[in-house]
Amino acid sequence: MARRIWCGWFFLSGLLSFLILYPIFLVLLTREKWFPLVFQLKKIWAHWILFSTGIRYQVEYEAPIVKGQAYMICPNHSSYLDIVLTNIAFPNYFHFMGKAELLKTPLLNIFFKRMNITVNRSSITNSHKAYKRASNDLAKGISIAIFPEATIPECSPNLTAFKNGPFKIAIDQQVPVVPITFLDNWYLFPDSINERYVVRPGLSRIIVHKPIETIGMTDEDVTNLRLQVFNLIQKTLTEKGRFDRKVGLCK
């Protein structure tokens, strides 16, 4: 019962605070030059959600993130909490790229109508459009965040196979890839239907790994780069993560 109450408070706190900020977001999203202000406001909102619900975070940076440098950000995806904490953990201004279904999400879809990027992988035309938009943003010095798993796998905290997309974009634009490992989010806020009320306060440990340079890489290096990032995050989860329940390997 306590966890159900906590779950209800988590969503209520997030919703009420968002409704307060909603008019400001709407105004700021009308002009592209104001998008960085939207990003800063989202950071404030993310901090409030965590503070009000008792979720603490600890970020370890393996190397400095250079201000003004564009990066391809590639976190593991085990919880909706990942979205909140990516906004907090990565210091540079960035845009999310996510699935087209996000346009149907009430209220939150305002971020994906102009600022963030949606992609419909079943449409070649839409995928090309999203790829072009992400490339243009990187060329402007704006980082892009993509969950390379493309979804939250049922086998979390283990990883499911990564998509090639973010690594091809990074190589084409010759920007560094920054892997991010969320060690505890699947435990604090699991996505499983059977555990939908198991939201709990606690510490989220985050490791922002050393950027991987792509200068000189070509399309022939996409697979190796994808596997390098996958193996790094999986190794970090295995060595430093928490496996408090039995989970099978992803298919």
C-alpha atoms as a PDB file:
ATOM      1  CA  MET A   1       0.000   0.000   0.000  1.00  0.00           C
ATOM      2  CA  ALA A   2       2.823   2.420   0.862  1.00  0.00           C
ATOM      3  CA  ARG A   3       4.404   1.936  -2.547  1.00  0.00           C
ATOM      4  CA  ARG A   4       1.083   2.549  -4.298  1.00  0.00           C
ATOM      5  CA  ILE A   5       0.733   5.796  -2.408  1.00  0.00           C
ATOM      6  CA  TRP A   6       4.307   6.695  -3.318  1.00  0.00           C
ATOM      7  CA  CYS A   7       3.638   5.870  -6.959  1.00  0.00           C
ATOM      8  CA  GLY A   8       0.545   8.071  -6.936  1.00  0.00           C
ATOM      9  CA  TRP A   9       2.480  10.932  -5.345  1.00  0.00           C
ATOM     10  CA  PHE A  10       5.273  10.610  -7.926  1.00  0.00           C
ATOM     11  CA  PHE A  11       2.864  11.103 -10.823  1.00  0.00           C
ATOM     12  CA  LEU A  12       0.819  13.738  -9.007  1.00  0.00           C
ATOM     13  CA  SER A  13       3.904  15.783  -8.162  1.00  0.00           C
ATOM     14  CA  GLY A  14       5.154  15.567 -11.731  1.00  0.00           C
ATOM     15  CA  LEU A  15       1.765  16.467 -13.205  1.00  0.00           C
ATOM     16  CA  LEU A  16       0.983  19.399 -10.924  1.00  0.00           C
ATOM     17  CA  SER A  17       4.424  20.951 -11.323  1.00  0.00           C
ATOM     18  CA  PHE A  18       4.213  20.491 -15.094  1.00  0.00           C
ATOM     19  CA  LEU A  19       0.806  22.177 -15.257  1.00  0.00           C
ATOM     20  CA  ILE A  20       2.284  25.177 -13.434  1.00  0.00           C
ATOM     21  CA  LEU A  21       5.122  25.372 -15.962  1.00  0.00           C
ATOM     22  CA  TYR A  22       3.012  24.465 -18.985  1.00  0.00           C
ATOM     23  CA  PRO A  23       2.108  28.046 -20.062  1.00  0.00           C
ATOM     24  CA  ILE A  24       5.777  29.054 -19.854  1.00  0.00           C
ATOM     25  CA  PHE A  25       6.817  26.041 -21.936  1.00  0.00           C
ATOM     26  CA  LEU A  26       4.187  26.883 -24.543  1.00  0.00           C
ATOM     27  CA  VAL A  27       5.479  30.428 -24.931  1.00  0.00           C
ATOM     28  CA  LEU A  28       9.157  29.461 -25.017  1.00  0.00           C
ATOM     29  CA  LEU A  29       8.526  26.740 -27.593  1.00  0.00           C
ATOM     30  CA  THR A  30       7.172  29.266 -30.104  1.00  0.00           C
ATOM     31  CA  ARG A  31      10.687  30.426 -31.021  1.00  0.00           C
ATOM     32  CA  GLU A  32      13.725  28.301 -31.723  1.00  0.00           C
ATOM     33  CA  LYS A  33      16.059  30.819 -30.100  1.00  0.00           C
ATOM     34  CA  TRP A  34      14.242  30.174 -26.807  1.00  0.00           C
ATOM     35  CA  PHE A  35      14.700  26.384 -26.911  1.00  0.00           C
ATOM     36  CA  PRO A  36      17.795  26.533 -24.635  1.00  0.00           C
ATOM     37  CA  LEU A  37      15.578  28.233 -22.026  1.00  0.00           C
ATOM     38  CA  VAL A  38      13.128  25.333 -22.350  1.00  0.00           C
ATOM     39  CA  PHE A  39      16.043  22.987 -21.702  1.00  0.00           C
ATOM     40  CA  GLN A  40      17.018  24.864 -18.520  1.00  0.00           C
ATOM     41  CA  LEU A  41      13.419  24.913 -17.322  1.00  0.00           C
ATOM     42  CA  LYS A  42      13.158  21.165 -17.919  1.00  0.00           C
ATOM     43  CA  LYS A  43      16.219  20.726 -15.709  1.00  0.00           C
ATOM     44  CA  ILE A  44      14.510  22.691 -12.920  1.00  0.00           C
ATOM     45  CA  TRP A  45      11.357  20.621 -13.347  1.00  0.00           C
ATOM     46  CA  ALA A  46      13.393  17.384 -13.239  1.00  0.00           C
ATOM     47  CA  HIS A  47      15.112  18.467 -10.011  1.00  0.00           C
ATOM     48  CA  TRP A  48      11.742  19.234  -8.443  1.00  0.00           C
ATOM     49  CA  ILE A  49      10.312  15.817  -9.351  1.00  0.00           C
ATOM     50  CA  LEU A  50      13.263  14.051  -7.751  1.00  0.00           C
ATOM     51  CA  PHE A  51      13.384  16.307  -4.680  1.00  0.00           C
ATOM     52  CA  SER A  52       9.648  16.031  -3.994  1.00  0.00           C
ATOM     53  CA  THR A  53       9.625  12.249  -4.307  1.00  0.00           C
ATOM     54  CA  GLY A  54      12.778  11.416  -2.357  1.00  0.00           C
ATOM     55  CA  ILE A  55      14.877  10.217  -5.287  1.00  0.00           C
ATOM     56  CA  ARG A  56      18.506  11.277  -4.957  1.00  0.00           C
ATOM     57  CA  TYR A  57      21.155  11.040  -7.655  1.00  0.00           C
ATOM     58  CA  GLN A  58      24.907  10.691  -7.846  1.00  0.00           C
ATOM     59  CA  VAL A  59      26.685  11.407 -11.126  1.00  0.00           C
ATOM     60  CA  GLU A  60      30.212  10.173 -11.884  1.00  0.00           C
ATOM     61  CA  TYR A  61      31.929  11.771 -14.883  1.00  0.00           C
ATOM     62  CA  GLU A  62      34.802   9.717 -16.245  1.00  0.00           C
ATOM     63  CA  ALA A  63      36.001  12.724 -18.244  1.00  0.00           C
ATOM     64  CA  PRO A  64      34.950  16.364 -18.610  1.00  0.00           C
ATOM     65  CA  ILE A  65      32.091  17.263 -20.939  1.00  0.00           C
ATOM     66  CA  VAL A  66      33.347  20.163 -23.052  1.00  0.00           C
ATOM     67  CA  LYS A  67      31.009  23.145 -23.027  1.00  0.00           C
ATOM     68  CA  GLY A  68      29.742  23.988 -26.505  1.00  0.00           C
ATOM     69  CA  GLN A  69      30.818  20.630 -27.960  1.00  0.00           C
ATOM     70  CA  ALA A  70      28.116  18.571 -29.687  1.00  0.00           C
ATOM     71  CA  TYR A  71      27.852  14.938 -28.571  1.00  0.00           C
ATOM     72  CA  MET A  72      25.777  11.885 -29.364  1.00  0.00           C
ATOM     73  CA  ILE A  73      24.423  10.812 -25.964  1.00  0.00           C
ATOM     74  CA  CYS A  74      23.630   7.097 -25.651  1.00  0.00           C
ATOM     75  CA  PRO A  75      22.160   5.961 -22.299  1.00  0.00           C
ATOM     76  CA  ASN A  76      20.768   2.549 -21.415  1.00  0.00           C
ATOM     77  CA  HIS A  77      16.979   2.530 -21.083  1.00  0.00           C
ATOM     78  CA  SER A  78      15.423   0.636 -18.185  1.00  0.00           C
ATOM     79  CA  SER A  79      12.881   3.108 -16.762  1.00  0.00           C
ATOM     80  CA  TYR A  80      10.954   6.274 -17.578  1.00  0.00           C
ATOM     81  CA  LEU A  81      13.133   7.803 -14.874  1.00  0.00           C
ATOM     82  CA  ASP A  82      15.971   7.712 -17.434  1.00  0.00           C
ATOM     83  CA  ILE A  83      14.436  10.649 -19.306  1.00  0.00           C
ATOM     84  CA  VAL A  84      14.281  12.800 -16.172  1.00  0.00           C
ATOM     85  CA  LEU A  85      17.830  11.973 -15.156  1.00  0.00           C
ATOM     86  CA  THR A  86      19.369  12.423 -18.599  1.00  0.00           C
ATOM     87  CA  ASN A  87      18.197  16.028 -18.385  1.00  0.00           C
ATOM     88  CA  ILE A  88      20.043  16.367 -15.086  1.00  0.00           C
ATOM     89  CA  ALA A  89      23.176  14.306 -15.737  1.00  0.00           C
ATOM     90  CA  PHE A  90      24.218  15.778 -19.074  1.00  0.00           C
ATOM     91  CA  PRO A  91      25.274  19.440 -18.726  1.00  0.00           C
ATOM     92  CA  ASN A  92      25.235  20.563 -22.367  1.00  0.00           C
ATOM     93  CA  TYR A  93      22.109  21.633 -24.209  1.00  0.00           C
ATOM     94  CA  PHE A  94      20.656  18.702 -26.149  1.00  0.00           C
ATOM     95  CA  HIS A  95      17.581  17.467 -27.984  1.00  0.00           C
ATOM     96  CA  PHE A  96      16.024  14.052 -27.469  1.00  0.00           C
ATOM     97  CA  MET A  97      15.241  11.788 -30.402  1.00  0.00           C
ATOM     98  CA  GLY A  98      12.396   9.364 -29.663  1.00  0.00           C
ATOM     99  CA  LYS A  99       9.738   7.234 -31.305  1.00  0.00           C
ATOM    100  CA  ALA A 100       6.883   8.901 -33.183  1.00  0.00           C
ATOM    101  CA  GLU A 101       4.332   7.623 -30.651  1.00  0.00           C
ATOM    102  CA  LEU A 102       5.529  10.338 -28.279  1.00  0.00           C
ATOM    103  CA  LEU A 103       3.569  12.831 -30.369  1.00  0.00           C
ATOM    104  CA  LYS A 104       0.419  11.189 -29.013  1.00  0.00           C
ATOM    105  CA  THR A 105       1.429  11.620 -25.359  1.00  0.00           C
ATOM    106  CA  PRO A 106      -0.855  14.224 -23.747  1.00  0.00           C
ATOM    107  CA  LEU A 107       0.841  17.438 -22.590  1.00  0.00           C
ATOM    108  CA  LEU A 108       4.398  16.136 -22.942  1.00  0.00           C
ATOM    109  CA  ASN A 109       4.040  15.984 -26.706  1.00  0.00           C
ATOM    110  CA  ILE A 110       4.648  19.754 -26.876  1.00  0.00           C
ATOM    111  CA  PHE A 111       8.391  19.066 -26.617  1.00  0.00           C
ATOM    112  CA  PHE A 112       8.331  16.773 -29.663  1.00  0.00           C
ATOM    113  CA  LYS A 113       6.315  19.006 -31.948  1.00  0.00           C
ATOM    114  CA  ARG A 114       9.241  21.378 -32.543  1.00  0.00           C
ATOM    115  CA  MET A 115      12.180  21.086 -30.144  1.00  0.00           C
ATOM    116  CA  ASN A 116      12.844  17.353 -29.854  1.00  0.00           C
ATOM    117  CA  ILE A 117      12.920  14.890 -32.757  1.00  0.00           C
ATOM    118  CA  THR A 118      10.536  12.021 -33.476  1.00  0.00           C
ATOM    119  CA  VAL A 119      11.272   9.113 -35.767  1.00  0.00           C
ATOM    120  CA  ASN A 120       8.948   6.535 -37.299  1.00  0.00           C
ATOM    121  CA  ARG A 121      11.264   3.648 -38.116  1.00  0.00           C
ATOM    122  CA  SER A 122       8.637   1.974 -40.303  1.00  0.00           C
ATOM    123  CA  SER A 123       8.749   4.937 -42.699  1.00  0.00           C
ATOM    124  CA  ILE A 124      11.872   5.438 -44.814  1.00  0.00           C
ATOM    125  CA  THR A 125      10.851   9.022 -45.557  1.00  0.00           C
ATOM    126  CA  ASN A 126      10.261   9.889 -41.902  1.00  0.00           C
ATOM    127  CA  SER A 127      13.459   8.160 -40.796  1.00  0.00           C
ATOM    128  CA  HIS A 128      15.467  10.140 -43.348  1.00  0.00           C
ATOM    129  CA  LYS A 129      13.819  13.374 -42.206  1.00  0.00           C
ATOM    130  CA  ALA A 130      14.665  12.633 -38.563  1.00  0.00           C
ATOM    131  CA  TYR A 131      18.222  11.682 -39.516  1.00  0.00           C
ATOM    132  CA  LYS A 132      18.639  14.961 -41.410  1.00  0.00           C
ATOM    133  CA  ARG A 133      17.221  16.987 -38.510  1.00  0.00           C
ATOM    134  CA  ALA A 134      19.573  15.301 -36.006  1.00  0.00           C
ATOM    135  CA  SER A 135      22.538  15.879 -38.312  1.00  0.00           C
ATOM    136  CA  ASN A 136      21.650  19.551 -38.677  1.00  0.00           C
ATOM    137  CA  ASP A 137      21.356  19.964 -34.905  1.00  0.00           C
ATOM    138  CA  LEU A 138      24.771  18.383 -34.360  1.00  0.00           C
ATOM    139  CA  ALA A 139      26.243  20.674 -37.008  1.00  0.00           C
ATOM    140  CA  LYS A 140      24.857  23.624 -35.010  1.00  0.00           C
ATOM    141  CA  GLY A 141      26.616  22.387 -31.872  1.00  0.00           C
ATOM    142  CA  ILE A 142      23.465  20.897 -30.298  1.00  0.00           C
ATOM    143  CA  SER A 143      23.916  17.458 -28.740  1.00  0.00           C
ATOM    144  CA  ILE A 144      21.450  14.643 -29.450  1.00  0.00           C
ATOM    145  CA  ALA A 145      20.280  12.051 -26.918  1.00  0.00           C
ATOM    146  CA  ILE A 146      19.053   8.694 -28.233  1.00  0.00           C
ATOM    147  CA  PHE A 147      18.309   5.524 -26.292  1.00  0.00           C
ATOM    148  CA  PRO A 148      20.011   3.012 -28.622  1.00  0.00           C
ATOM    149  CA  GLU A 149      17.776   0.190 -27.365  1.00  0.00           C
ATOM    150  CA  ALA A 150      14.801   2.203 -28.724  1.00  0.00           C
ATOM    151  CA  THR A 151      12.573   0.810 -25.972  1.00  0.00           C
ATOM    152  CA  ILE A 152      12.591  -0.369 -22.357  1.00  0.00           C
ATOM    153  CA  PRO A 153      13.355  -4.111 -22.530  1.00  0.00           C
ATOM    154  CA  GLU A 154      11.472  -6.595 -20.377  1.00  0.00           C
ATOM    155  CA  CYS A 155      14.804  -8.060 -19.311  1.00  0.00           C
ATOM    156  CA  SER A 156      16.025  -4.874 -17.605  1.00  0.00           C
ATOM    157  CA  PRO A 157      18.541  -4.216 -16.138  1.00  0.00           C
ATOM    158  CA  ASN A 158      20.186  -6.267 -18.882  1.00  0.00           C
ATOM    159  CA  LEU A 159      20.419  -4.630 -22.266  1.00  0.00           C
ATOM    160  CA  THR A 160      18.646  -5.516 -25.465  1.00  0.00           C
ATOM    161  CA  ALA A 161      20.337  -5.103 -28.848  1.00  0.00           C
ATOM    162  CA  PHE A 162      21.313  -1.565 -29.829  1.00  0.00           C
ATOM    163  CA  LYS A 163      20.184   0.054 -33.071  1.00  0.00           C
ATOM    164  CA  ASN A 164      22.751   1.369 -35.537  1.00  0.00           C
ATOM    165  CA  GLY A 165      21.109   4.793 -35.945  1.00  0.00           C
ATOM    166  CA  PRO A 166      22.825   6.908 -33.280  1.00  0.00           C
ATOM    167  CA  PHE A 167      26.254   5.523 -34.139  1.00  0.00           C
ATOM    168  CA  LYS A 168      25.872   6.116 -37.860  1.00  0.00           C
ATOM    169  CA  ILE A 169      24.775   9.707 -37.221  1.00  0.00           C
ATOM    170  CA  ALA A 170      27.715  10.264 -34.866  1.00  0.00           C
ATOM    171  CA  ILE A 171      30.205   8.918 -37.395  1.00  0.00           C
ATOM    172  CA  ASP A 172      28.682  10.860 -40.280  1.00  0.00           C
ATOM    173  CA  GLN A 173      28.948  14.080 -38.257  1.00  0.00           C
ATOM    174  CA  GLN A 174      32.268  13.085 -36.646  1.00  0.00           C
ATOM    175  CA  VAL A 175      31.042  13.899 -33.136  1.00  0.00           C
ATOM    176  CA  PRO A 176      31.985  12.001 -29.956  1.00  0.00           C
ATOM    177  CA  VAL A 177      29.646   9.403 -28.486  1.00  0.00           C
ATOM    178  CA  VAL A 178      28.962   9.629 -24.741  1.00  0.00           C
ATOM    179  CA  PRO A 179      27.660   6.383 -23.219  1.00  0.00           C
ATOM    180  CA  ILE A 180      25.668   6.800 -20.005  1.00  0.00           C
ATOM    181  CA  THR A 181      24.902   3.989 -17.576  1.00  0.00           C
ATOM    182  CA  PHE A 182      21.912   4.254 -15.244  1.00  0.00           C
ATOM    183  CA  LEU A 183      22.613   1.663 -12.557  1.00  0.00           C
ATOM    184  CA  ASP A 184      19.518   1.848 -10.374  1.00  0.00           C
ATOM    185  CA  ASN A 185      16.598   3.362 -12.295  1.00  0.00           C
ATOM    186  CA  TRP A 186      15.049   0.005 -13.190  1.00  0.00           C
ATOM    187  CA  TYR A 187      14.902  -0.739  -9.444  1.00  0.00           C
ATOM    188  CA  LEU A 188      13.557   2.640  -8.333  1.00  0.00           C
ATOM    189  CA  PHE A 189      10.953   2.926 -11.090  1.00  0.00           C
ATOM    190  CA  PRO A 190      10.478  -0.401 -12.943  1.00  0.00           C
ATOM    191  CA  ASP A 191       8.493  -0.528 -16.161  1.00  0.00           C
ATOM    192  CA  SER A 192       7.138  -4.048 -15.686  1.00  0.00           C
ATOM    193  CA  ILE A 193       3.337  -4.301 -15.588  1.00  0.00           C
ATOM    194  CA  ASN A 194       3.619  -6.666 -12.647  1.00  0.00           C
ATOM    195  CA  GLU A 195       5.613  -4.039 -10.720  1.00  0.00           C
ATOM    196  CA  ARG A 196       3.825  -0.873 -11.774  1.00  0.00           C
ATOM    197  CA  TYR A 197       3.325   0.211  -8.150  1.00  0.00           C
ATOM    198  CA  VAL A 198       6.882  -0.560  -7.035  1.00  0.00           C
ATOM    199  CA  VAL A 199       8.071   3.035  -7.189  1.00  0.00           C
ATOM    200  CA  ARG A 200      10.415   3.753  -4.318  1.00  0.00           C
ATOM    201  CA  PRO A 201      12.649   6.571  -3.070  1.00  0.00           C
ATOM    202  CA  GLY A 202      16.383   5.989  -3.088  1.00  0.00           C
ATOM    203  CA  LEU A 203      19.664   6.736  -4.817  1.00  0.00           C
ATOM    204  CA  SER A 204      20.115   6.710  -8.585  1.00  0.00           C
ATOM    205  CA  ARG A 205      23.746   6.200  -9.526  1.00  0.00           C
ATOM    206  CA  ILE A 206      24.727   7.486 -12.945  1.00  0.00           C
ATOM    207  CA  ILE A 207      27.995   7.036 -14.807  1.00  0.00           C
ATOM    208  CA  VAL A 208      28.714   9.407 -17.689  1.00  0.00           C
ATOM    209  CA  HIS A 209      31.466   7.563 -19.499  1.00  0.00           C
ATOM    210  CA  LYS A 210      34.442   9.053 -21.283  1.00  0.00           C
ATOM    211  CA  PRO A 211      33.444  10.318 -24.742  1.00  0.00           C
ATOM    212  CA  ILE A 212      34.410   8.033 -27.613  1.00  0.00           C
ATOM    213  CA  GLU A 213      35.883   9.966 -30.519  1.00  0.00           C
ATOM    214  CA  THR A 214      34.632   9.180 -34.029  1.00  0.00           C
ATOM    215  CA  ILE A 215      37.021  11.353 -36.046  1.00  0.00           C
ATOM    216  CA  GLY A 216      38.351   9.277 -38.914  1.00  0.00           C
ATOM    217  CA  MET A 217      35.660   6.593 -38.575  1.00  0.00           C
ATOM    218  CA  THR A 218      33.542   5.593 -41.573  1.00  0.00           C
ATOM    219  CA  ASP A 219      30.346   3.597 -42.144  1.00  0.00           C
ATOM    220  CA  GLU A 220      32.451   0.445 -41.874  1.00  0.00           C
ATOM    221  CA  ASP A 221      33.027   1.292 -38.192  1.00  0.00           C
ATOM    222  CA  VAL A 222      29.340   1.603 -37.215  1.00  0.00           C
ATOM    223  CA  THR A 223      28.998  -1.994 -36.019  1.00  0.00           C
ATOM    224  CA  ASN A 224      32.216  -1.921 -33.992  1.00  0.00           C
ATOM    225  CA  LEU A 225      31.261   1.387 -32.379  1.00  0.00           C
ATOM    226  CA  ARG A 226      27.801   0.065 -31.510  1.00  0.00           C
ATOM    227  CA  LEU A 227      29.277  -3.056 -29.930  1.00  0.00           C
ATOM    228  CA  GLN A 228      31.889  -1.012 -28.047  1.00  0.00           C
ATOM    229  CA  VAL A 229      29.195   1.134 -26.409  1.00  0.00           C
ATOM    230  CA  PHE A 230      26.949  -1.881 -25.751  1.00  0.00           C
ATOM    231  CA  ASN A 231      29.745  -3.883 -24.104  1.00  0.00           C
ATOM    232  CA  LEU A 232      30.848  -0.903 -21.995  1.00  0.00           C
ATOM    233  CA  ILE A 233      27.376  -0.286 -20.572  1.00  0.00           C
ATOM    234  CA  GLN A 234      26.626  -3.991 -20.050  1.00  0.00           C
ATOM    235  CA  LYS A 235      29.987  -4.497 -18.308  1.00  0.00           C
ATOM    236  CA  THR A 236      29.309  -1.493 -16.047  1.00  0.00           C
ATOM    237  CA  LEU A 237      25.843  -2.799 -15.164  1.00  0.00           C
ATOM    238  CA  THR A 238      27.276  -6.232 -14.359  1.00  0.00           C
ATOM    239  CA  GLU A 239      30.126  -4.924 -12.217  1.00  0.00           C
ATOM    240  CA  LYS A 240      28.433  -2.006 -10.434  1.00  0.00           C
ATOM    241  CA  GLY A 241      24.693  -2.492 -10.853  1.00  0.00           C
ATOM    242  CA  ARG A 242      22.180  -4.217  -8.670  1.00  0.00           C
ATOM    243  CA  PHE A 243      20.486  -7.429  -9.664  1.00  0.00           C
ATOM    244  CA  ASP A 244      17.921  -7.834  -6.884  1.00  0.00           C
ATOM    245  CA  ARG A 245      15.676 -10.061  -8.955  1.00  0.00           C
ATOM    246  CA  LYS A 246      16.256 -12.897 -11.401  1.00  0.00           C
ATOM    247  CA  VAL A 247      16.290 -11.620 -14.948  1.00  0.00           C
ATOM    248  CA  GLY A 248      17.094 -13.420 -18.143  1.00  0.00           C
ATOM    249  CA  LEU A 249      19.305 -12.194 -20.907  1.00  0.00           C
ATOM    250  CA  CYS A 250      17.569 -10.218 -23.616  1.00  0.00           C
ATOM    251  CA  LYS A 251      16.786 -11.933 -26.871  1.00  0.00           C
END
